[in-house]
Amino acid sequence: MDQVEFSLPIVNGEYALFMNDLRNIAQAARNEFIIISQELAKKIVPFQAERVSQWMNQAQICRPHFWCYYRLPSDHQDDVAIAIRLYGIPEQFGISVEVSIVERKRSEHSLSKQNKVLNQPISAPLYYIVQENGNNYRMNGTEENRQLLVEQVKIGRVRKVLIKQDIPITAQQPVEQLLDELTEAFINLLPYYEVTKK
């Protein structure tokens, strides 16, 4: 997918209409995600929602998806959190729920806390996202893969392991059903969040 760099419509005469439409669509999409994140927060108290990510990064490159982290009031910014993240392409998309750290807020202890998720047994529909040599890839949530990843983290081959569950979205899906499914995924991931505290 090509990257789109946003510039103010007033500055970009030739593409002013496109930039104006882009901003309006992106802001509307972000507002929808904010509503979902806030409604989910009501179902997972005492976890609290942080700010939803912006629709463009600091370099003003448009982002095709959003995320929001949830923390307990006792959590620190470098602790592992639970997040929701929009994924996919227009024809097939959804929201994933994950146990992960915020990279830009990590401390020297964050990665070791994150990788404690491997101390907890796993099964589908949960799966791993593995970071190795700067690349991320998916691994099925099986006991065999868990044991393999424990060894690879131990020898330093794998830097980071996330636990995720995907919740597909359809155009006809009621918001309340989506929220119920996100809440269920959140509950499924709680043991992995809790093991990072030990």
N, C-alpha and C. Protein backbone atom coordinates (compact mmCIF):
# COMPACT_ATOMS: atom_id res chain seq x y z
N MET A 1 0.84 -1.18 0.00
CA MET A 1 0.00 0.00 0.00
C MET A 1 0.89 1.24 0.00
N ASP A 2 0.59 2.19 -0.90
CA ASP A 2 1.35 3.43 -0.95
C ASP A 2 1.01 4.31 0.24
N GLN A 3 2.02 5.04 0.72
CA GLN A 3 1.79 5.97 1.82
C GLN A 3 1.25 7.28 1.26
N VAL A 4 0.35 7.89 2.02
CA VAL A 4 -0.20 9.19 1.65
C VAL A 4 0.24 10.19 2.70
N GLU A 5 0.88 11.26 2.24
CA GLU A 5 1.30 12.32 3.16
C GLU A 5 0.26 13.42 3.12
N PHE A 6 -0.28 13.74 4.30
CA PHE A 6 -1.30 14.77 4.39
C PHE A 6 -0.66 16.15 4.40
N SER A 7 -1.27 17.09 3.68
CA SER A 7 -0.88 18.50 3.78
C SER A 7 -2.16 19.32 3.83
N LEU A 8 -2.11 20.45 4.49
CA LEU A 8 -3.30 21.27 4.65
C LEU A 8 -3.87 21.64 3.29
N PRO A 9 -5.20 21.52 3.12
CA PRO A 9 -5.80 21.86 1.83
C PRO A 9 -5.45 23.26 1.34
N ILE A 10 -5.33 24.21 2.26
CA ILE A 10 -5.02 25.59 1.88
C ILE A 10 -3.63 25.72 1.27
N VAL A 11 -2.72 24.81 1.66
CA VAL A 11 -1.34 24.83 1.17
C VAL A 11 -1.22 24.06 -0.14
N ASN A 12 -2.05 23.07 -0.32
CA ASN A 12 -1.93 22.15 -1.44
C ASN A 12 -3.05 22.39 -2.45
N GLY A 13 -2.93 23.46 -3.22
CA GLY A 13 -3.97 23.86 -4.15
C GLY A 13 -4.44 22.77 -5.09
N GLU A 14 -3.50 22.08 -5.73
CA GLU A 14 -3.85 21.07 -6.73
C GLU A 14 -4.66 19.92 -6.11
N TYR A 15 -4.32 19.55 -4.89
CA TYR A 15 -4.98 18.42 -4.23
C TYR A 15 -5.84 18.87 -3.05
N ALA A 16 -6.25 20.12 -3.04
CA ALA A 16 -6.99 20.67 -1.90
C ALA A 16 -8.26 19.89 -1.59
N LEU A 17 -9.06 19.58 -2.61
CA LEU A 17 -10.30 18.83 -2.38
C LEU A 17 -10.01 17.44 -1.84
N PHE A 18 -9.01 16.78 -2.43
CA PHE A 18 -8.63 15.44 -1.97
C PHE A 18 -8.19 15.48 -0.51
N MET A 19 -7.34 16.45 -0.16
CA MET A 19 -6.83 16.55 1.22
C MET A 19 -7.96 16.87 2.20
N ASN A 20 -8.89 17.71 1.78
CA ASN A 20 -10.02 18.04 2.64
C ASN A 20 -10.89 16.81 2.88
N ASP A 21 -11.18 16.06 1.81
CA ASP A 21 -11.96 14.83 1.94
C ASP A 21 -11.23 13.80 2.80
N LEU A 22 -9.93 13.68 2.57
CA LEU A 22 -9.12 12.74 3.35
C LEU A 22 -9.20 13.06 4.84
N ARG A 23 -9.03 14.32 5.18
CA ARG A 23 -9.09 14.73 6.58
C ARG A 23 -10.47 14.42 7.18
N ASN A 24 -11.53 14.74 6.44
CA ASN A 24 -12.89 14.51 6.96
C ASN A 24 -13.17 13.03 7.18
N ILE A 25 -12.77 12.21 6.22
CA ILE A 25 -12.99 10.76 6.34
C ILE A 25 -12.16 10.18 7.48
N ALA A 26 -10.90 10.59 7.57
CA ALA A 26 -10.01 10.07 8.62
C ALA A 26 -10.49 10.49 10.00
N GLN A 27 -10.93 11.74 10.15
CA GLN A 27 -11.43 12.19 11.44
C GLN A 27 -12.71 11.47 11.82
N ALA A 28 -13.59 11.23 10.85
CA ALA A 28 -14.83 10.50 11.13
C ALA A 28 -14.53 9.07 11.55
N ALA A 29 -13.57 8.43 10.87
CA ALA A 29 -13.20 7.05 11.23
C ALA A 29 -12.61 7.01 12.63
N ARG A 30 -11.75 7.95 12.95
CA ARG A 30 -11.15 7.99 14.29
C ARG A 30 -12.23 8.21 15.35
N ASN A 31 -13.19 9.09 15.06
CA ASN A 31 -14.28 9.33 16.01
C ASN A 31 -15.09 8.07 16.27
N GLU A 32 -15.32 7.26 15.24
CA GLU A 32 -16.03 5.98 15.41
C GLU A 32 -15.23 5.05 16.32
N PHE A 33 -13.92 5.01 16.10
CA PHE A 33 -13.07 4.15 16.93
C PHE A 33 -13.04 4.65 18.37
N ILE A 34 -13.06 5.96 18.57
CA ILE A 34 -13.10 6.53 19.92
C ILE A 34 -14.37 6.07 20.63
N ILE A 35 -15.49 6.10 19.94
CA ILE A 35 -16.76 5.66 20.54
C ILE A 35 -16.66 4.20 20.96
N ILE A 36 -16.14 3.36 20.08
CA ILE A 36 -15.98 1.93 20.41
C ILE A 36 -15.07 1.76 21.62
N SER A 37 -13.94 2.48 21.64
CA SER A 37 -12.99 2.33 22.75
C SER A 37 -13.60 2.79 24.07
N GLN A 38 -14.39 3.85 24.04
CA GLN A 38 -15.02 4.36 25.27
C GLN A 38 -16.13 3.43 25.76
N GLU A 39 -16.91 2.89 24.82
CA GLU A 39 -17.97 1.96 25.21
C GLU A 39 -17.38 0.67 25.77
N LEU A 40 -16.27 0.21 25.18
CA LEU A 40 -15.60 -0.98 25.70
C LEU A 40 -15.09 -0.72 27.11
N ALA A 41 -14.56 0.47 27.36
CA ALA A 41 -14.03 0.81 28.69
C ALA A 41 -15.09 0.64 29.77
N LYS A 42 -16.35 0.91 29.43
CA LYS A 42 -17.44 0.76 30.41
C LYS A 42 -17.65 -0.70 30.80
N LYS A 43 -17.27 -1.62 29.91
CA LYS A 43 -17.49 -3.05 30.14
C LYS A 43 -16.31 -3.73 30.82
N ILE A 44 -15.17 -3.04 30.92
CA ILE A 44 -13.97 -3.69 31.45
C ILE A 44 -13.39 -2.93 32.65
N VAL A 45 -14.24 -2.22 33.36
CA VAL A 45 -13.81 -1.52 34.58
C VAL A 45 -13.17 -2.54 35.51
N PRO A 46 -12.04 -2.22 36.17
CA PRO A 46 -11.43 -0.92 36.41
C PRO A 46 -10.40 -0.48 35.37
N PHE A 47 -10.25 -1.22 34.25
CA PHE A 47 -9.33 -0.76 33.20
C PHE A 47 -9.82 0.57 32.63
N GLN A 48 -8.87 1.43 32.29
CA GLN A 48 -9.20 2.75 31.75
C GLN A 48 -8.56 2.92 30.38
N ALA A 49 -9.33 3.50 29.47
CA ALA A 49 -8.84 3.72 28.10
C ALA A 49 -7.91 4.93 28.05
N GLU A 50 -6.82 4.78 27.30
CA GLU A 50 -5.95 5.92 27.00
C GLU A 50 -6.46 6.56 25.71
N ARG A 51 -5.75 7.57 25.21
CA ARG A 51 -6.16 8.24 23.97
C ARG A 51 -6.04 7.30 22.78
N VAL A 52 -6.99 7.42 21.87
CA VAL A 52 -6.92 6.69 20.60
C VAL A 52 -5.84 7.34 19.73
N SER A 53 -5.09 6.50 19.02
CA SER A 53 -4.03 7.01 18.14
C SER A 53 -4.60 7.97 17.10
N GLN A 54 -3.73 8.84 16.59
CA GLN A 54 -4.14 9.80 15.56
C GLN A 54 -4.23 9.12 14.20
N TRP A 55 -4.86 9.78 13.25
CA TRP A 55 -5.01 9.21 11.90
C TRP A 55 -3.81 9.49 11.01
N MET A 56 -2.84 10.25 11.53
CA MET A 56 -1.57 10.41 10.83
C MET A 56 -0.46 10.48 11.87
N ASN A 57 0.75 10.10 11.47
CA ASN A 57 1.87 10.13 12.41
C ASN A 57 2.52 11.52 12.40
N GLN A 58 3.62 11.67 13.14
CA GLN A 58 4.26 12.99 13.25
C GLN A 58 4.83 13.48 11.92
N ALA A 59 5.12 12.56 11.02
CA ALA A 59 5.59 12.94 9.69
C ALA A 59 4.42 13.24 8.75
N GLN A 60 3.21 13.23 9.28
CA GLN A 60 1.97 13.48 8.55
C GLN A 60 1.69 12.43 7.48
N ILE A 61 2.16 11.20 7.74
CA ILE A 61 1.82 10.06 6.89
C ILE A 61 0.54 9.45 7.44
N CYS A 62 -0.46 9.28 6.58
CA CYS A 62 -1.75 8.75 7.03
C CYS A 62 -1.61 7.31 7.48
N ARG A 63 -2.30 6.99 8.57
CA ARG A 63 -2.30 5.62 9.10
C ARG A 63 -3.59 4.94 8.68
N PRO A 64 -3.51 3.70 8.24
CA PRO A 64 -4.73 3.00 7.82
C PRO A 64 -5.50 2.37 8.98
N HIS A 65 -5.00 2.50 10.21
CA HIS A 65 -5.71 1.89 11.33
C HIS A 65 -5.39 2.62 12.63
N PHE A 66 -6.21 2.35 13.65
CA PHE A 66 -6.11 3.01 14.95
C PHE A 66 -5.87 1.99 16.04
N TRP A 67 -5.48 2.48 17.23
CA TRP A 67 -5.35 1.61 18.39
C TRP A 67 -5.64 2.41 19.65
N CYS A 68 -5.90 1.67 20.74
CA CYS A 68 -6.13 2.29 22.05
C CYS A 68 -5.67 1.30 23.11
N TYR A 69 -4.88 1.79 24.07
CA TYR A 69 -4.39 0.96 25.17
C TYR A 69 -5.27 1.15 26.40
N TYR A 70 -5.40 0.07 27.18
CA TYR A 70 -6.16 0.07 28.43
C TYR A 70 -5.23 -0.33 29.56
N ARG A 71 -5.31 0.42 30.65
CA ARG A 71 -4.47 0.14 31.82
C ARG A 71 -5.29 0.22 33.09
N LEU A 72 -4.79 -0.45 34.11
CA LEU A 72 -5.33 -0.27 35.46
C LEU A 72 -4.75 1.01 36.04
N PRO A 73 -5.45 1.66 36.97
CA PRO A 73 -4.90 2.87 37.58
C PRO A 73 -3.53 2.66 38.22
N SER A 74 -3.25 1.43 38.66
CA SER A 74 -1.96 1.14 39.32
C SER A 74 -0.83 0.88 38.33
N ASP A 75 -1.13 0.75 37.04
CA ASP A 75 -0.11 0.46 36.03
C ASP A 75 0.77 1.68 35.76
N HIS A 76 2.03 1.40 35.42
CA HIS A 76 2.95 2.44 34.97
C HIS A 76 2.98 2.44 33.45
N GLN A 77 3.47 3.52 32.86
CA GLN A 77 3.49 3.65 31.41
C GLN A 77 4.39 2.62 30.73
N ASP A 78 5.39 2.09 31.45
CA ASP A 78 6.27 1.09 30.83
C ASP A 78 5.79 -0.33 31.08
N ASP A 79 4.64 -0.48 31.75
CA ASP A 79 4.08 -1.81 32.01
C ASP A 79 3.38 -2.35 30.76
N VAL A 80 3.16 -3.65 30.77
CA VAL A 80 2.37 -4.29 29.73
C VAL A 80 0.92 -3.87 29.91
N ALA A 81 0.22 -3.66 28.80
CA ALA A 81 -1.18 -3.25 28.83
C ALA A 81 -1.98 -4.16 27.90
N ILE A 82 -3.28 -3.92 27.86
CA ILE A 82 -4.14 -4.59 26.88
C ILE A 82 -4.61 -3.51 25.91
N ALA A 83 -4.59 -3.83 24.62
CA ALA A 83 -4.93 -2.84 23.60
C ALA A 83 -5.93 -3.42 22.61
N ILE A 84 -6.66 -2.52 21.96
CA ILE A 84 -7.45 -2.89 20.79
C ILE A 84 -6.81 -2.20 19.59
N ARG A 85 -6.87 -2.87 18.44
CA ARG A 85 -6.18 -2.34 17.25
C ARG A 85 -6.99 -2.71 16.01
N LEU A 86 -7.31 -1.72 15.19
CA LEU A 86 -7.99 -1.96 13.92
C LEU A 86 -7.01 -2.64 12.97
N TYR A 87 -7.47 -3.68 12.26
CA TYR A 87 -6.59 -4.38 11.32
C TYR A 87 -7.33 -4.67 10.02
N GLY A 88 -6.58 -5.00 9.00
CA GLY A 88 -7.16 -5.51 7.77
C GLY A 88 -7.21 -4.52 6.63
N ILE A 89 -7.99 -4.88 5.63
CA ILE A 89 -8.20 -4.09 4.42
C ILE A 89 -9.71 -3.87 4.28
N PRO A 90 -10.15 -2.94 3.40
CA PRO A 90 -11.58 -2.64 3.34
C PRO A 90 -12.49 -3.86 3.16
N GLU A 91 -12.04 -4.86 2.43
CA GLU A 91 -12.88 -6.04 2.18
C GLU A 91 -12.92 -7.01 3.36
N GLN A 92 -11.93 -6.94 4.24
CA GLN A 92 -11.84 -7.90 5.34
C GLN A 92 -11.07 -7.25 6.48
N PHE A 93 -11.82 -6.80 7.50
CA PHE A 93 -11.17 -6.08 8.59
C PHE A 93 -11.83 -6.42 9.91
N GLY A 94 -11.22 -5.93 10.98
CA GLY A 94 -11.76 -6.17 12.31
C GLY A 94 -10.94 -5.43 13.34
N ILE A 95 -11.15 -5.81 14.58
CA ILE A 95 -10.39 -5.24 15.69
C ILE A 95 -9.73 -6.38 16.44
N SER A 96 -8.43 -6.28 16.64
CA SER A 96 -7.74 -7.29 17.44
C SER A 96 -7.58 -6.77 18.86
N VAL A 97 -7.57 -7.69 19.80
CA VAL A 97 -7.29 -7.38 21.20
C VAL A 97 -5.95 -8.03 21.49
N GLU A 98 -5.04 -7.30 22.15
CA GLU A 98 -3.69 -7.81 22.35
C GLU A 98 -3.14 -7.43 23.71
N VAL A 99 -2.18 -8.22 24.16
CA VAL A 99 -1.40 -7.91 25.36
C VAL A 99 -0.05 -7.43 24.85
N SER A 100 0.27 -6.14 25.11
CA SER A 100 1.51 -5.60 24.55
C SER A 100 1.97 -4.35 25.30
N ILE A 101 3.20 -3.98 25.00
CA ILE A 101 3.77 -2.75 25.56
C ILE A 101 3.69 -1.64 24.51
N VAL A 102 3.82 -0.40 24.97
CA VAL A 102 3.95 0.73 24.06
C VAL A 102 5.45 0.94 23.87
N GLU A 103 5.94 0.69 22.67
CA GLU A 103 7.39 0.72 22.42
C GLU A 103 8.03 2.04 22.83
N ARG A 104 7.41 3.16 22.51
CA ARG A 104 8.04 4.45 22.80
C ARG A 104 8.05 4.78 24.30
N LYS A 105 7.32 3.98 25.10
CA LYS A 105 7.28 4.21 26.55
C LYS A 105 7.98 3.10 27.33
N ARG A 106 8.66 2.21 26.63
CA ARG A 106 9.25 1.06 27.31
C ARG A 106 10.48 1.46 28.13
N SER A 107 10.73 0.64 29.15
CA SER A 107 11.93 0.80 29.98
C SER A 107 12.80 -0.43 29.76
N GLU A 108 13.89 -0.51 30.51
CA GLU A 108 14.78 -1.67 30.37
C GLU A 108 14.11 -2.96 30.81
N HIS A 109 13.00 -2.87 31.55
CA HIS A 109 12.31 -4.07 32.05
C HIS A 109 11.09 -4.45 31.21
N SER A 110 10.67 -3.59 30.31
CA SER A 110 9.41 -3.81 29.59
C SER A 110 9.40 -5.09 28.76
N LEU A 111 10.48 -5.37 28.04
CA LEU A 111 10.50 -6.56 27.18
C LEU A 111 10.46 -7.84 28.00
N SER A 112 11.17 -7.88 29.11
CA SER A 112 11.13 -9.10 29.93
C SER A 112 9.73 -9.30 30.51
N LYS A 113 9.06 -8.20 30.88
CA LYS A 113 7.67 -8.31 31.34
C LYS A 113 6.78 -8.81 30.22
N GLN A 114 6.94 -8.23 29.02
CA GLN A 114 6.12 -8.61 27.87
C GLN A 114 6.25 -10.10 27.57
N ASN A 115 7.46 -10.60 27.59
CA ASN A 115 7.69 -11.99 27.20
C ASN A 115 7.25 -13.00 28.25
N LYS A 116 6.83 -12.51 29.41
CA LYS A 116 6.24 -13.42 30.41
C LYS A 116 4.92 -14.01 29.93
N VAL A 117 4.34 -13.45 28.87
CA VAL A 117 3.10 -14.04 28.33
C VAL A 117 3.33 -15.50 27.94
N LEU A 118 4.59 -15.85 27.68
CA LEU A 118 4.91 -17.23 27.30
C LEU A 118 4.85 -18.19 28.49
N ASN A 119 4.71 -17.66 29.70
CA ASN A 119 4.58 -18.52 30.88
C ASN A 119 3.18 -19.11 31.02
N GLN A 120 2.26 -18.64 30.20
CA GLN A 120 0.86 -19.06 30.29
C GLN A 120 0.52 -19.94 29.10
N PRO A 121 -0.07 -21.12 29.30
CA PRO A 121 -0.49 -21.97 28.17
C PRO A 121 -1.44 -21.22 27.24
N ILE A 122 -1.48 -21.64 25.98
CA ILE A 122 -2.27 -20.93 24.97
C ILE A 122 -3.03 -21.92 24.11
N SER A 123 -4.14 -21.45 23.54
CA SER A 123 -4.89 -22.23 22.55
C SER A 123 -5.66 -21.26 21.66
N ALA A 124 -6.08 -21.76 20.48
CA ALA A 124 -6.85 -20.94 19.55
C ALA A 124 -8.17 -20.52 20.24
N PRO A 125 -8.68 -19.35 19.93
CA PRO A 125 -8.35 -18.46 18.81
C PRO A 125 -7.20 -17.49 19.09
N LEU A 126 -6.54 -17.62 20.24
CA LEU A 126 -5.41 -16.75 20.53
C LEU A 126 -4.22 -17.16 19.65
N TYR A 127 -3.38 -16.17 19.33
CA TYR A 127 -2.19 -16.45 18.53
C TYR A 127 -1.07 -15.49 18.94
N TYR A 128 0.12 -15.77 18.46
CA TYR A 128 1.29 -14.95 18.77
C TYR A 128 1.65 -14.05 17.59
N ILE A 129 2.14 -12.85 17.90
CA ILE A 129 2.88 -12.03 16.94
C ILE A 129 4.30 -11.96 17.48
N VAL A 130 5.24 -12.42 16.67
CA VAL A 130 6.63 -12.57 17.09
C VAL A 130 7.49 -11.53 16.38
N GLN A 131 8.35 -10.87 17.14
CA GLN A 131 9.29 -9.92 16.53
C GLN A 131 10.70 -10.52 16.57
N GLU A 132 11.25 -10.70 15.37
CA GLU A 132 12.58 -11.29 15.22
C GLU A 132 13.34 -10.51 14.15
N ASN A 133 14.52 -10.02 14.48
CA ASN A 133 15.35 -9.24 13.54
C ASN A 133 14.58 -8.08 12.90
N GLY A 134 13.75 -7.42 13.69
CA GLY A 134 13.01 -6.27 13.19
C GLY A 134 11.77 -6.60 12.37
N ASN A 135 11.50 -7.88 12.16
CA ASN A 135 10.33 -8.31 11.40
C ASN A 135 9.30 -8.94 12.33
N ASN A 136 8.03 -8.73 12.02
CA ASN A 136 6.94 -9.34 12.79
C ASN A 136 6.28 -10.42 11.96
N TYR A 137 5.94 -11.53 12.61
CA TYR A 137 5.20 -12.58 11.92
C TYR A 137 4.28 -13.27 12.92
N ARG A 138 3.27 -13.93 12.36
CA ARG A 138 2.24 -14.59 13.16
C ARG A 138 2.58 -16.05 13.37
N MET A 139 2.29 -16.56 14.59
CA MET A 139 2.42 -17.99 14.88
C MET A 139 1.14 -18.44 15.58
N ASN A 140 0.67 -19.61 15.22
CA ASN A 140 -0.53 -20.16 15.84
C ASN A 140 -0.33 -20.33 17.34
N GLY A 141 -1.43 -20.20 18.07
CA GLY A 141 -1.39 -20.36 19.52
C GLY A 141 -1.45 -21.82 19.92
N THR A 142 -0.32 -22.52 19.82
CA THR A 142 -0.24 -23.93 20.20
C THR A 142 0.82 -24.10 21.28
N GLU A 143 0.71 -25.18 22.02
CA GLU A 143 1.69 -25.47 23.06
C GLU A 143 3.07 -25.69 22.45
N GLU A 144 3.12 -26.33 21.30
CA GLU A 144 4.40 -26.56 20.62
C GLU A 144 5.08 -25.23 20.28
N ASN A 145 4.30 -24.30 19.74
CA ASN A 145 4.87 -22.98 19.41
C ASN A 145 5.27 -22.21 20.66
N ARG A 146 4.50 -22.36 21.72
CA ARG A 146 4.84 -21.68 22.98
C ARG A 146 6.21 -22.15 23.48
N GLN A 147 6.43 -23.45 23.49
CA GLN A 147 7.70 -24.01 23.95
C GLN A 147 8.86 -23.54 23.06
N LEU A 148 8.62 -23.52 21.75
CA LEU A 148 9.64 -23.05 20.81
C LEU A 148 9.99 -21.59 21.08
N LEU A 149 8.98 -20.76 21.30
CA LEU A 149 9.22 -19.34 21.54
C LEU A 149 9.92 -19.09 22.87
N VAL A 150 9.60 -19.89 23.88
CA VAL A 150 10.31 -19.78 25.16
C VAL A 150 11.81 -19.94 24.93
N GLU A 151 12.18 -20.95 24.15
CA GLU A 151 13.60 -21.19 23.87
C GLU A 151 14.21 -20.07 23.03
N GLN A 152 13.46 -19.59 22.03
CA GLN A 152 14.00 -18.55 21.15
C GLN A 152 14.18 -17.22 21.87
N VAL A 153 13.29 -16.92 22.81
CA VAL A 153 13.46 -15.71 23.62
C VAL A 153 14.68 -15.87 24.52
N LYS A 154 14.82 -17.07 25.10
CA LYS A 154 15.93 -17.34 26.03
C LYS A 154 17.29 -17.14 25.37
N ILE A 155 17.43 -17.57 24.11
CA ILE A 155 18.72 -17.44 23.42
C ILE A 155 18.87 -16.10 22.69
N GLY A 156 17.84 -15.25 22.75
CA GLY A 156 17.93 -13.92 22.15
C GLY A 156 17.58 -13.84 20.69
N ARG A 157 17.09 -14.93 20.12
CA ARG A 157 16.71 -14.90 18.70
C ARG A 157 15.43 -14.08 18.49
N VAL A 158 14.49 -14.22 19.42
CA VAL A 158 13.23 -13.48 19.37
C VAL A 158 13.28 -12.36 20.38
N ARG A 159 12.92 -11.14 19.95
CA ARG A 159 12.96 -9.97 20.82
C ARG A 159 11.69 -9.83 21.65
N LYS A 160 10.54 -10.06 21.01
CA LYS A 160 9.27 -9.74 21.67
C LYS A 160 8.17 -10.65 21.15
N VAL A 161 7.24 -11.04 22.06
CA VAL A 161 6.11 -11.88 21.68
C VAL A 161 4.83 -11.24 22.23
N LEU A 162 3.88 -11.00 21.33
CA LEU A 162 2.55 -10.50 21.72
C LEU A 162 1.55 -11.64 21.65
N ILE A 163 0.49 -11.52 22.42
CA ILE A 163 -0.65 -12.45 22.35
C ILE A 163 -1.82 -11.65 21.81
N LYS A 164 -2.55 -12.23 20.82
CA LYS A 164 -3.65 -11.50 20.19
C LYS A 164 -4.84 -12.40 19.94
N GLN A 165 -5.99 -11.75 19.79
CA GLN A 165 -7.20 -12.41 19.30
C GLN A 165 -7.90 -11.44 18.36
N ASP A 166 -8.29 -11.92 17.19
CA ASP A 166 -8.95 -11.09 16.19
C ASP A 166 -10.47 -11.20 16.31
N ILE A 167 -11.13 -10.06 16.17
CA ILE A 167 -12.59 -10.01 16.12
C ILE A 167 -12.98 -9.41 14.77
N PRO A 168 -13.38 -10.24 13.80
CA PRO A 168 -13.78 -9.70 12.49
C PRO A 168 -15.03 -8.83 12.61
N ILE A 169 -15.15 -7.85 11.72
CA ILE A 169 -16.30 -6.95 11.71
C ILE A 169 -16.98 -7.05 10.35
N THR A 170 -18.32 -7.07 10.37
CA THR A 170 -19.10 -7.00 9.13
C THR A 170 -19.92 -5.72 9.15
N ALA A 171 -20.31 -5.27 7.97
CA ALA A 171 -21.06 -4.01 7.85
C ALA A 171 -22.40 -4.08 8.59
N GLN A 172 -23.00 -5.25 8.65
CA GLN A 172 -24.32 -5.40 9.27
C GLN A 172 -24.25 -5.67 10.78
N GLN A 173 -23.07 -5.81 11.32
CA GLN A 173 -22.91 -6.22 12.72
C GLN A 173 -23.33 -5.10 13.67
N PRO A 174 -24.25 -5.39 14.61
CA PRO A 174 -24.61 -4.37 15.60
C PRO A 174 -23.41 -4.04 16.49
N VAL A 175 -23.30 -2.78 16.88
CA VAL A 175 -22.18 -2.34 17.72
C VAL A 175 -22.16 -3.11 19.04
N GLU A 176 -23.33 -3.37 19.61
CA GLU A 176 -23.39 -4.07 20.89
C GLU A 176 -22.80 -5.48 20.78
N GLN A 177 -23.05 -6.15 19.66
CA GLN A 177 -22.46 -7.48 19.44
C GLN A 177 -20.94 -7.38 19.36
N LEU A 178 -20.44 -6.38 18.63
CA LEU A 178 -19.00 -6.17 18.54
C LEU A 178 -18.40 -5.93 19.92
N LEU A 179 -19.05 -5.10 20.72
CA LEU A 179 -18.55 -4.81 22.07
C LEU A 179 -18.54 -6.06 22.94
N ASP A 180 -19.57 -6.89 22.81
CA ASP A 180 -19.60 -8.15 23.57
C ASP A 180 -18.45 -9.06 23.17
N GLU A 181 -18.17 -9.14 21.87
CA GLU A 181 -17.07 -9.99 21.39
C GLU A 181 -15.72 -9.44 21.83
N LEU A 182 -15.56 -8.12 21.81
CA LEU A 182 -14.32 -7.51 22.29
C LEU A 182 -14.14 -7.75 23.78
N THR A 183 -15.22 -7.66 24.53
CA THR A 183 -15.16 -7.91 25.98
C THR A 183 -14.75 -9.35 26.25
N GLU A 184 -15.31 -10.28 25.49
CA GLU A 184 -14.96 -11.70 25.66
C GLU A 184 -13.48 -11.94 25.34
N ALA A 185 -12.98 -11.31 24.28
CA ALA A 185 -11.56 -11.44 23.93
C ALA A 185 -10.69 -10.83 25.03
N PHE A 186 -11.12 -9.70 25.57
CA PHE A 186 -10.40 -9.05 26.67
C PHE A 186 -10.29 -10.02 27.85
N ILE A 187 -11.39 -10.69 28.18
CA ILE A 187 -11.40 -11.66 29.29
C ILE A 187 -10.47 -12.83 28.97
N ASN A 188 -10.48 -13.29 27.71
CA ASN A 188 -9.58 -14.38 27.30
C ASN A 188 -8.11 -14.02 27.48
N LEU A 189 -7.79 -12.73 27.31
CA LEU A 189 -6.40 -12.28 27.38
C LEU A 189 -5.97 -11.87 28.78
N LEU A 190 -6.91 -11.72 29.70
CA LEU A 190 -6.56 -11.28 31.06
C LEU A 190 -5.49 -12.13 31.73
N PRO A 191 -5.54 -13.46 31.64
CA PRO A 191 -4.49 -14.26 32.29
C PRO A 191 -3.08 -13.93 31.78
N TYR A 192 -2.96 -13.54 30.51
CA TYR A 192 -1.65 -13.20 29.93
C TYR A 192 -1.19 -11.84 30.43
N TYR A 193 -2.13 -10.92 30.57
CA TYR A 193 -1.81 -9.62 31.17
C TYR A 193 -1.37 -9.82 32.62
N GLU A 194 -2.12 -10.64 33.36
CA GLU A 194 -1.83 -10.84 34.78
C GLU A 194 -0.48 -11.52 35.00
N VAL A 195 -0.10 -12.44 34.11
CA VAL A 195 1.17 -13.15 34.30
C VAL A 195 2.36 -12.20 34.12
N THR A 196 2.18 -11.10 33.39
CA THR A 196 3.27 -10.14 33.22
C THR A 196 3.54 -9.35 34.50
N LYS A 197 2.62 -9.43 35.46
CA LYS A 197 2.78 -8.70 36.73
C LYS A 197 3.55 -9.52 37.76
N LYS A 198 3.77 -10.80 37.47
CA LYS A 198 4.40 -11.70 38.46
C LYS A 198 5.92 -11.68 38.33
